[in-house]
C-alpha atoms as a PDB file:
ATOM      1  CA  MET A   1     135.149-183.341  -8.268  1.00  0.00           C
ATOM      2  CA  CYS A   2     132.222-185.758  -8.575  1.00  0.00           C
ATOM      3  CA  ARG A   3     131.037-185.213  -5.030  1.00  0.00           C
ATOM      4  CA  ASN A   4     130.020-181.715  -6.097  1.00  0.00           C
ATOM      5  CA  ILE A   5     127.414-183.063  -8.492  1.00  0.00           C
ATOM      6  CA  ARG A   6     124.193-183.180  -6.496  1.00  0.00           C
ATOM      7  CA  THR A   7     120.893-184.876  -7.152  1.00  0.00           C
ATOM      8  CA  LEU A   8     118.607-182.320  -8.748  1.00  0.00           C
ATOM      9  CA  HIS A   9     115.438-184.347  -9.283  1.00  0.00           C
ATOM     10  CA  ASN A  10     112.376-184.242  -7.041  1.00  0.00           C
ATOM     11  CA  PHE A  11     113.150-181.214  -4.910  1.00  0.00           C
ATOM     12  CA  GLU A  12     110.810-178.466  -3.908  1.00  0.00           C
ATOM     13  CA  PRO A  13     111.487-175.848  -5.108  1.00  0.00           C
ATOM     14  CA  HIS A  14     112.749-177.279  -8.389  1.00  0.00           C
ATOM     15  CA  ALA A  15     116.406-177.078  -9.343  1.00  0.00           C
ATOM     16  CA  THR A  16     117.444-173.658 -10.560  1.00  0.00           C
ATOM     17  CA  SER A  17     119.215-173.025 -13.847  1.00  0.00           C
ATOM     18  CA  GLU A  18     122.303-172.159 -11.774  1.00  0.00           C
ATOM     19  CA  GLU A  19     122.236-175.585 -10.107  1.00  0.00           C
ATOM     20  CA  VAL A  20     121.824-177.305 -13.465  1.00  0.00           C
ATOM     21  CA  HIS A  21     124.719-175.284 -14.907  1.00  0.00           C
ATOM     22  CA  ALA A  22     126.935-176.075 -11.895  1.00  0.00           C
ATOM     23  CA  ALA A  23     126.268-179.805 -12.299  1.00  0.00           C
ATOM     24  CA  ALA A  24     127.050-179.605 -16.033  1.00  0.00           C
ATOM     25  CA  LEU A  25     130.255-177.707 -15.298  1.00  0.00           C
ATOM     26  CA  GLN A  26     131.377-180.310 -12.757  1.00  0.00           C
ATOM     27  CA  TYR A  27     130.610-183.097 -15.227  1.00  0.00           C
ATOM     28  CA  VAL A  28     132.622-181.462 -18.030  1.00  0.00           C
ATOM     29  CA  ARG A  29     135.494-180.771 -15.644  1.00  0.00           C
ATOM     30  CA  LYS A  30     135.529-184.407 -14.564  1.00  0.00           C
ATOM     31  CA  ILE A  31     135.437-185.989 -17.999  1.00  0.00           C
ATOM     32  CA  SER A  32     137.900-183.493 -19.496  1.00  0.00           C
ATOM     33  CA  GLY A  33     140.287-183.807 -16.561  1.00  0.00           C
ATOM     34  CA  SER A  34     140.578-180.040 -16.429  1.00  0.00           C
ATOM     35  CA  THR A  35     139.114-177.470 -14.087  1.00  0.00           C
ATOM     36  CA  LYS A  36     140.263-174.630 -16.328  1.00  0.00           C
ATOM     37  CA  PRO A  37     140.644-175.332 -20.033  1.00  0.00           C
ATOM     38  CA  SER A  38     143.353-173.776 -22.165  1.00  0.00           C
ATOM     39  CA  LYS A  39     142.408-170.876 -24.417  1.00  0.00           C
ATOM     40  CA  ALA A  40     142.458-173.292 -27.357  1.00  0.00           C
ATOM     41  CA  ASN A  41     139.855-175.500 -25.654  1.00  0.00           C
ATOM     42  CA  GLN A  42     137.732-172.832 -23.944  1.00  0.00           C
ATOM     43  CA  GLU A  43     135.058-172.665 -26.642  1.00  0.00           C
ATOM     44  CA  ALA A  44     134.635-176.458 -26.789  1.00  0.00           C
ATOM     45  CA  PHE A  45     134.526-176.590 -22.973  1.00  0.00           C
ATOM     46  CA  ASP A  46     131.895-173.828 -22.768  1.00  0.00           C
ATOM     47  CA  ASP A  47     129.828-175.392 -25.562  1.00  0.00           C
ATOM     48  CA  ALA A  48     129.855-178.747 -23.760  1.00  0.00           C
ATOM     49  CA  VAL A  49     128.730-177.169 -20.481  1.00  0.00           C
ATOM     50  CA  HIS A  50     125.910-175.358 -22.288  1.00  0.00           C
ATOM     51  CA  GLU A  51     124.726-178.472 -24.135  1.00  0.00           C
ATOM     52  CA  ILE A  52     124.885-180.712 -21.068  1.00  0.00           C
ATOM     53  CA  ALA A  53     122.995-178.151 -18.969  1.00  0.00           C
ATOM     54  CA  HIS A  54     120.349-177.941 -21.702  1.00  0.00           C
ATOM     55  CA  ILE A  55     119.922-181.726 -21.901  1.00  0.00           C
ATOM     56  CA  THR A  56     119.962-182.021 -18.107  1.00  0.00           C
ATOM     57  CA  GLN A  57     117.110-179.528 -17.848  1.00  0.00           C
ATOM     58  CA  HIS A  58     115.121-181.527 -20.420  1.00  0.00           C
ATOM     59  CA  LEU A  59     115.737-184.683 -18.397  1.00  0.00           C
ATOM     60  CA  LEU A  60     114.630-183.071 -15.149  1.00  0.00           C
ATOM     61  CA  ASP A  61     111.513-181.697 -16.831  1.00  0.00           C
ATOM     62  CA  ALA A  62     110.606-185.137 -18.212  1.00  0.00           C
ATOM     63  CA  LEU A  63     111.179-187.244 -15.092  1.00  0.00           C
ATOM     64  CA  VAL A  64     108.137-188.290 -13.075  1.00  0.00           C
ATOM     65  CA  THR A  65     107.861-189.795  -9.626  1.00  0.00           C
ATOM     66  CA  GLN A  66     105.233-190.819  -7.104  1.00  0.00           C
ATOM     67  CA  ALA A  67     107.541-189.942  -4.207  1.00  0.00           C
ATOM     68  CA  PRO A  68     106.917-186.729  -2.314  1.00  0.00           C
ATOM     69  CA  PRO A  69     109.355-183.907  -3.082  1.00  0.00           C
ATOM     70  CA  LYS A  70     112.494-183.794  -0.957  1.00  0.00           C
ATOM     71  CA  ASP A  71     113.210-180.869   1.317  1.00  0.00           C
ATOM     72  CA  ARG A  72     116.504-179.142   0.499  1.00  0.00           C
ATOM     73  CA  GLU A  73     117.274-178.217   4.102  1.00  0.00           C
ATOM     74  CA  ALA A  74     116.585-181.743   5.385  1.00  0.00           C
ATOM     75  CA  GLU A  75     118.741-183.276   2.647  1.00  0.00           C
ATOM     76  CA  ALA A  76     121.558-180.803   3.388  1.00  0.00           C
ATOM     77  CA  ALA A  77     121.407-181.717   7.088  1.00  0.00           C
ATOM     78  CA  LYS A  78     121.631-185.433   6.231  1.00  0.00           C
ATOM     79  CA  ALA A  79     124.630-184.793   3.968  1.00  0.00           C
ATOM     80  CA  LYS A  80     126.337-182.774   6.694  1.00  0.00           C
ATOM     81  CA  ALA A  81     125.774-185.584   9.198  1.00  0.00           C
ATOM     82  CA  ARG A  82     127.200-188.156   6.751  1.00  0.00           C
ATOM     83  CA  ALA A  83     130.240-185.946   6.165  1.00  0.00           C
ATOM     84  CA  ALA A  84     130.775-185.587   9.911  1.00  0.00           C
ATOM     85  CA  VAL A  85     130.811-189.377  10.299  1.00  0.00           C
ATOM     86  CA  ARG A  86     133.017-189.847   7.232  1.00  0.00           C
ATOM     87  CA  TYR A  87     135.596-187.264   8.295  1.00  0.00           C
ATOM     88  CA  GLY A  88     135.346-187.785  12.034  1.00  0.00           C
ATOM     89  CA  ALA A  89     134.101-184.287  12.817  1.00  0.00           C
ATOM     90  CA  ALA A  90     131.752-183.793  15.724  1.00  0.00           C
END
């Protein structure tokens, strides 16, 4: 599950609210040990995702860097190349 949480800081264009929500969802899934909560836990699960996404957006908005913004396509190509080496694909 954790491999699905991607770096969201210092990209151009900035991370979307959907990307922030997806990262929060993956985080809550990981720490709860559940990809789909029971009906009894659904509200707590959804509240946690909402709160974590909110705080994550505040963090991203507050971070500063001197580094130039990363290019999403270039970073995706690097990740694909690393995966190919890791899993032996050509």
